[in-house]
Amino acid sequence: MESVSQRRYAAVAKDLIDQIGNGHYPVGSLLPTEFELCSLYAVSRHTVRAAIDQLQGQGMVSRRKRVGTRVEAASPQGGYSQAMASVADLVQVAETHIRDIQGVREFVVDIAQARRLGLEPGGHYFCVSSIKVDASAGNAPLCWTDVYAEQAFAEVIPEARKHPDELIAALIGKAFSRSIDVVDQQVRPVQLSTELAASLKAQGGALGLNIIRQYRDENGGLIAVSETVYPADRFTLTMQMKRDKR
């Protein structure tokens, strides 16, 4: 089930894609300002920014401070690019990466899993395995995600099925009053197995990007852990670093 916010910015993004494709906004031109788009579509600035982020992720536009949003391509390009600097950015990604649950299992964590994922050895956990699809590109498969959480939080599994556009960690936060305060992230290259590549309609043995995220509350307590694998051509993680001002 799609959220209202997702439907709004997906509709704005789709219309902008159509307008760019038919030449109303030709390659090299600037889109209207955020304020003008808000007025044009009768939506909030957050919705407009989410729509522009989607177009930027598909390689159709670029943004420059004091210049505006420039049209770079007449049709969506392959892959997905996302700039992330906050928990809010992760939530925004979740709204376009829709969860298609492939299976749920319960297990006891062994030492190797505990070390790799940051879980408690011998602890009782569940794992929700999903293929994430791109709602803005005909539900094309983007990545495989395993989300791990303590068995005590298992009541959120039905909610994960009802709300495929929300982070499972966020659903746990709502249900148990444990909001996400910090996300620790590890990124490394991996080789796609034949089975995983088949599930994602990718080439077996190709390079992929493995991202492990640990979602923690304000006291440092672990809410959930996700492990996501993207084929290398489907996701680009961009970050900006600034010098501390002393």
Protein backbone atom coordinates (compact mmCIF):
# COMPACT_ATOMS: atom_id res chain seq x y z
CA MET A 1 0.00 0.00 0.00
CA GLU A 2 1.42 3.35 -1.02
CA SER A 3 1.53 6.23 1.44
CA VAL A 4 -0.12 9.55 0.57
CA SER A 5 3.25 11.33 0.49
CA GLN A 6 4.67 8.74 -1.87
CA ARG A 7 1.70 9.02 -4.24
CA ARG A 8 2.03 12.81 -4.30
CA TYR A 9 5.70 13.08 -5.14
CA ALA A 10 5.60 10.05 -7.44
CA ALA A 11 2.83 11.81 -9.38
CA VAL A 12 4.86 15.04 -9.54
CA ALA A 13 7.95 13.11 -10.65
CA LYS A 14 6.00 11.24 -13.32
CA ASP A 15 4.55 14.46 -14.72
CA LEU A 16 7.97 16.12 -14.80
CA ILE A 17 9.42 13.06 -16.57
CA ASP A 18 6.62 13.28 -19.12
CA GLN A 19 7.15 17.04 -19.56
CA ILE A 20 10.88 16.54 -20.08
CA GLY A 21 10.28 13.65 -22.46
CA ASN A 22 7.90 15.61 -24.68
CA GLY A 23 10.28 18.58 -24.86
CA HIS A 24 8.36 20.99 -22.67
CA TYR A 25 11.52 21.18 -20.55
CA PRO A 26 14.29 20.44 -23.11
CA VAL A 27 17.75 19.12 -22.23
CA GLY A 28 19.91 22.03 -21.09
CA SER A 29 17.02 24.09 -19.77
CA LEU A 30 16.19 24.82 -16.14
CA LEU A 31 13.11 23.49 -14.40
CA PRO A 32 10.89 26.00 -12.58
CA THR A 33 12.04 26.87 -9.06
CA GLU A 34 10.89 24.80 -6.07
CA PHE A 35 8.51 27.60 -5.13
CA GLU A 36 7.04 27.65 -8.64
CA LEU A 37 6.66 23.86 -8.69
CA CYS A 38 4.93 23.94 -5.29
CA SER A 39 2.42 26.39 -6.72
CA LEU A 40 2.06 24.53 -10.01
CA TYR A 41 1.31 21.15 -8.40
CA ALA A 42 -0.30 22.45 -5.17
CA VAL A 43 2.08 20.41 -3.01
CA SER A 44 4.58 21.08 -0.25
CA ARG A 45 8.25 21.92 -0.73
CA HIS A 46 9.15 18.53 0.79
CA THR A 47 7.09 16.79 -1.91
CA VAL A 48 8.74 18.81 -4.68
CA ARG A 49 12.22 18.07 -3.31
CA ALA A 50 11.43 14.35 -3.13
CA ALA A 51 10.25 14.41 -6.76
CA ILE A 52 13.40 16.26 -7.88
CA ASP A 53 15.54 13.80 -5.91
CA GLN A 54 13.90 10.99 -7.85
CA LEU A 55 14.68 12.64 -11.19
CA GLN A 56 18.23 13.35 -10.07
CA GLY A 57 18.64 9.73 -9.02
CA GLN A 58 17.57 8.66 -12.51
CA GLY A 59 20.13 10.94 -14.14
CA MET A 60 17.57 13.27 -15.68
CA VAL A 61 18.47 16.47 -13.81
CA SER A 62 21.28 18.04 -11.83
CA ARG A 63 21.12 20.73 -9.17
CA ARG A 64 23.50 23.57 -8.48
CA LYS A 65 23.29 26.12 -5.74
CA ARG A 66 22.31 29.59 -7.01
CA VAL A 67 21.75 28.13 -10.51
CA GLY A 68 18.77 25.79 -10.25
CA THR A 69 17.73 22.37 -11.51
CA ARG A 70 19.08 21.67 -15.01
CA VAL A 71 17.65 19.03 -17.35
CA GLU A 72 20.43 16.58 -18.27
CA ALA A 73 18.61 13.79 -20.12
CA ALA A 74 15.27 13.33 -21.89
CA SER A 75 14.58 9.94 -20.31
CA PRO A 76 15.52 8.10 -17.09
CA GLN A 77 18.99 6.57 -17.01
CA GLY A 78 19.85 3.21 -15.44
CA GLY A 79 20.52 2.83 -11.74
CA TYR A 80 19.78 4.96 -8.72
CA SER A 81 21.88 7.65 -7.10
CA GLN A 82 21.16 8.88 -3.60
CA ALA A 83 22.79 11.47 -1.40
CA MET A 84 22.37 10.55 2.25
CA ALA A 85 23.40 12.58 5.25
CA SER A 86 20.60 11.99 7.75
CA VAL A 87 17.98 9.55 8.99
CA ALA A 88 15.42 11.60 7.05
CA ASP A 89 17.30 10.80 3.84
CA LEU A 90 17.04 7.07 4.60
CA VAL A 91 13.31 7.44 5.18
CA GLN A 92 12.99 9.18 1.83
CA VAL A 93 14.81 6.31 0.10
CA ALA A 94 12.43 3.84 1.75
CA GLU A 95 9.47 5.67 0.22
CA THR A 96 10.67 4.95 -3.32
CA HIS A 97 12.28 1.55 -2.64
CA ILE A 98 9.20 -0.59 -2.05
CA ARG A 99 9.64 -3.81 -0.06
CA ASP A 100 8.49 -7.09 -1.68
CA ILE A 101 8.90 -9.62 1.13
CA GLN A 102 10.36 -12.93 -0.01
CA GLY A 103 10.45 -14.69 3.35
CA VAL A 104 10.60 -14.42 7.14
CA ARG A 105 12.59 -16.68 9.44
CA GLU A 106 13.48 -16.98 13.10
CA PHE A 107 16.94 -18.00 14.21
CA VAL A 108 19.52 -17.98 17.00
CA VAL A 109 22.57 -15.84 16.21
CA ASP A 110 25.89 -17.63 15.96
CA ILE A 111 29.24 -16.01 16.67
CA ALA A 112 30.08 -15.29 13.02
CA GLN A 113 26.71 -13.59 12.39
CA ALA A 114 27.00 -11.61 15.62
CA ARG A 115 30.42 -10.32 14.66
CA ARG A 116 29.39 -9.39 11.10
CA LEU A 117 26.07 -7.73 11.95
CA GLY A 118 26.64 -6.43 15.48
CA LEU A 119 24.05 -8.72 17.09
CA GLU A 120 24.21 -10.58 20.41
CA PRO A 121 25.62 -14.14 20.13
CA GLY A 122 22.97 -16.66 21.14
CA GLY A 123 20.19 -14.08 20.86
CA HIS A 124 16.79 -14.91 19.35
CA TYR A 125 16.10 -12.84 16.23
CA PHE A 126 13.90 -12.74 13.16
CA CYS A 127 14.96 -11.86 9.62
CA VAL A 128 12.73 -10.32 6.95
CA SER A 129 14.17 -10.92 3.47
CA SER A 130 12.93 -8.67 0.69
CA ILE A 131 13.56 -7.56 -2.84
CA LYS A 132 13.35 -3.77 -2.98
CA VAL A 133 11.75 -2.49 -6.18
CA ASP A 134 11.75 1.00 -7.66
CA ALA A 135 8.17 2.30 -7.55
CA SER A 136 9.09 5.04 -10.02
CA ALA A 137 10.44 2.65 -12.66
CA GLY A 138 7.76 0.00 -13.10
CA ASN A 139 8.78 -1.88 -9.93
CA ALA A 140 12.14 -2.88 -11.40
CA PRO A 141 14.22 -4.84 -8.85
CA LEU A 142 16.90 -2.72 -7.18
CA CYS A 143 18.40 -4.74 -4.35
CA TRP A 144 18.07 -7.56 -1.85
CA THR A 145 17.64 -6.60 1.81
CA ASP A 146 17.71 -8.70 4.99
CA VAL A 147 16.46 -6.91 8.11
CA TYR A 148 17.32 -8.40 11.51
CA ALA A 149 15.66 -7.55 14.81
CA GLU A 150 15.07 -9.17 18.19
CA GLN A 151 12.26 -11.71 18.37
CA ALA A 152 10.58 -9.44 20.93
CA PHE A 153 9.83 -7.02 18.05
CA ALA A 154 8.22 -9.67 15.81
CA GLU A 155 4.77 -8.07 16.08
CA VAL A 156 5.88 -5.48 13.49
CA ILE A 157 6.17 -8.12 10.74
CA PRO A 158 2.50 -7.75 9.70
CA GLU A 159 3.05 -3.96 9.66
CA ALA A 160 6.05 -4.46 7.37
CA ARG A 161 3.71 -6.22 4.94
CA LYS A 162 1.06 -3.49 5.23
CA HIS A 163 3.54 -0.63 4.83
CA PRO A 164 6.16 -1.70 2.27
CA ASP A 165 7.39 1.90 1.90
CA GLU A 166 8.44 2.30 5.55
CA LEU A 167 11.70 1.23 7.16
CA ILE A 168 11.21 -1.78 9.44
CA ALA A 169 13.40 -0.02 12.02
CA ALA A 170 10.99 2.93 11.88
CA LEU A 171 8.00 0.62 12.34
CA ILE A 172 9.69 -0.88 15.40
CA GLY A 173 10.31 2.63 16.68
CA LYS A 174 6.63 3.49 16.37
CA ALA A 175 5.45 0.30 18.02
CA PHE A 176 7.92 0.33 20.90
CA SER A 177 8.60 4.07 21.37
CA ARG A 178 12.24 3.77 20.29
CA SER A 179 12.93 6.37 17.62
CA ILE A 180 15.99 6.11 15.39
CA ASP A 181 18.70 8.47 16.61
CA VAL A 182 21.88 7.13 14.97
CA VAL A 183 22.57 4.90 11.97
CA ASP A 184 25.98 3.24 11.73
CA GLN A 185 26.80 2.23 8.18
CA GLN A 186 29.39 -0.07 6.60
CA VAL A 187 29.85 -0.27 2.83
CA ARG A 188 31.96 -2.81 0.98
CA PRO A 189 32.17 -4.40 -2.48
CA VAL A 190 30.90 -7.96 -2.96
CA GLN A 191 30.45 -10.44 -5.77
CA LEU A 192 26.87 -11.38 -6.59
CA SER A 193 26.05 -15.06 -6.16
CA THR A 194 24.25 -16.82 -9.00
CA GLU A 195 21.09 -17.14 -6.89
CA LEU A 196 21.06 -13.52 -5.81
CA ALA A 197 21.80 -12.28 -9.31
CA ALA A 198 18.88 -14.29 -10.66
CA SER A 199 16.52 -12.78 -8.07
CA LEU A 200 17.64 -9.27 -9.03
CA LYS A 201 17.80 -9.95 -12.78
CA ALA A 202 21.52 -9.19 -12.77
CA GLN A 203 24.60 -10.98 -14.05
CA GLY A 204 25.98 -13.72 -11.82
CA GLY A 205 29.50 -13.03 -10.57
CA ALA A 206 29.17 -9.30 -11.20
CA LEU A 207 30.26 -6.78 -8.59
CA GLY A 208 27.78 -5.46 -6.09
CA LEU A 209 27.59 -3.06 -3.17
CA ASN A 210 26.94 -4.45 0.32
CA ILE A 211 25.58 -2.00 2.91
CA ILE A 212 25.10 -2.96 6.56
CA ARG A 213 23.19 -0.42 8.68
CA GLN A 214 22.73 -0.57 12.43
CA TYR A 215 19.78 1.53 13.64
CA ARG A 216 20.18 2.76 17.22
CA ASP A 217 18.04 4.75 19.65
CA GLU A 218 19.16 7.77 21.68
CA ASN A 219 20.67 5.47 24.33
CA GLY A 220 22.69 3.53 21.79
CA GLY A 221 20.37 0.52 21.97
CA LEU A 222 20.10 -1.52 18.79
CA ILE A 223 16.67 -1.33 17.13
CA ALA A 224 17.41 -3.31 13.96
CA VAL A 225 20.14 -4.16 11.47
CA SER A 226 19.74 -4.22 7.70
CA GLU A 227 22.03 -5.80 5.14
CA THR A 228 21.43 -4.72 1.55
CA VAL A 229 23.11 -5.84 -1.66
CA TYR A 230 22.83 -3.76 -4.84
CA PRO A 231 24.21 -4.73 -8.24
CA ALA A 232 26.99 -2.20 -8.85
CA ASP A 233 25.13 -0.40 -11.66
CA ARG A 234 21.97 0.22 -9.63
CA PHE A 235 23.06 2.39 -6.75
CA THR A 236 25.51 5.20 -6.12
CA LEU A 237 25.98 6.50 -2.60
CA THR A 238 27.07 10.14 -2.46
CA MET A 239 28.19 12.02 0.62
CA GLN A 240 29.46 15.51 1.33
CA MET A 241 32.08 16.31 3.96
CA LYS A 242 32.79 19.78 5.32
CA ARG A 243 35.72 21.07 7.29
CA ASP A 244 34.97 21.79 10.93
CA LYS A 245 34.92 25.48 11.71
CA ARG A 246 36.79 26.20 14.91
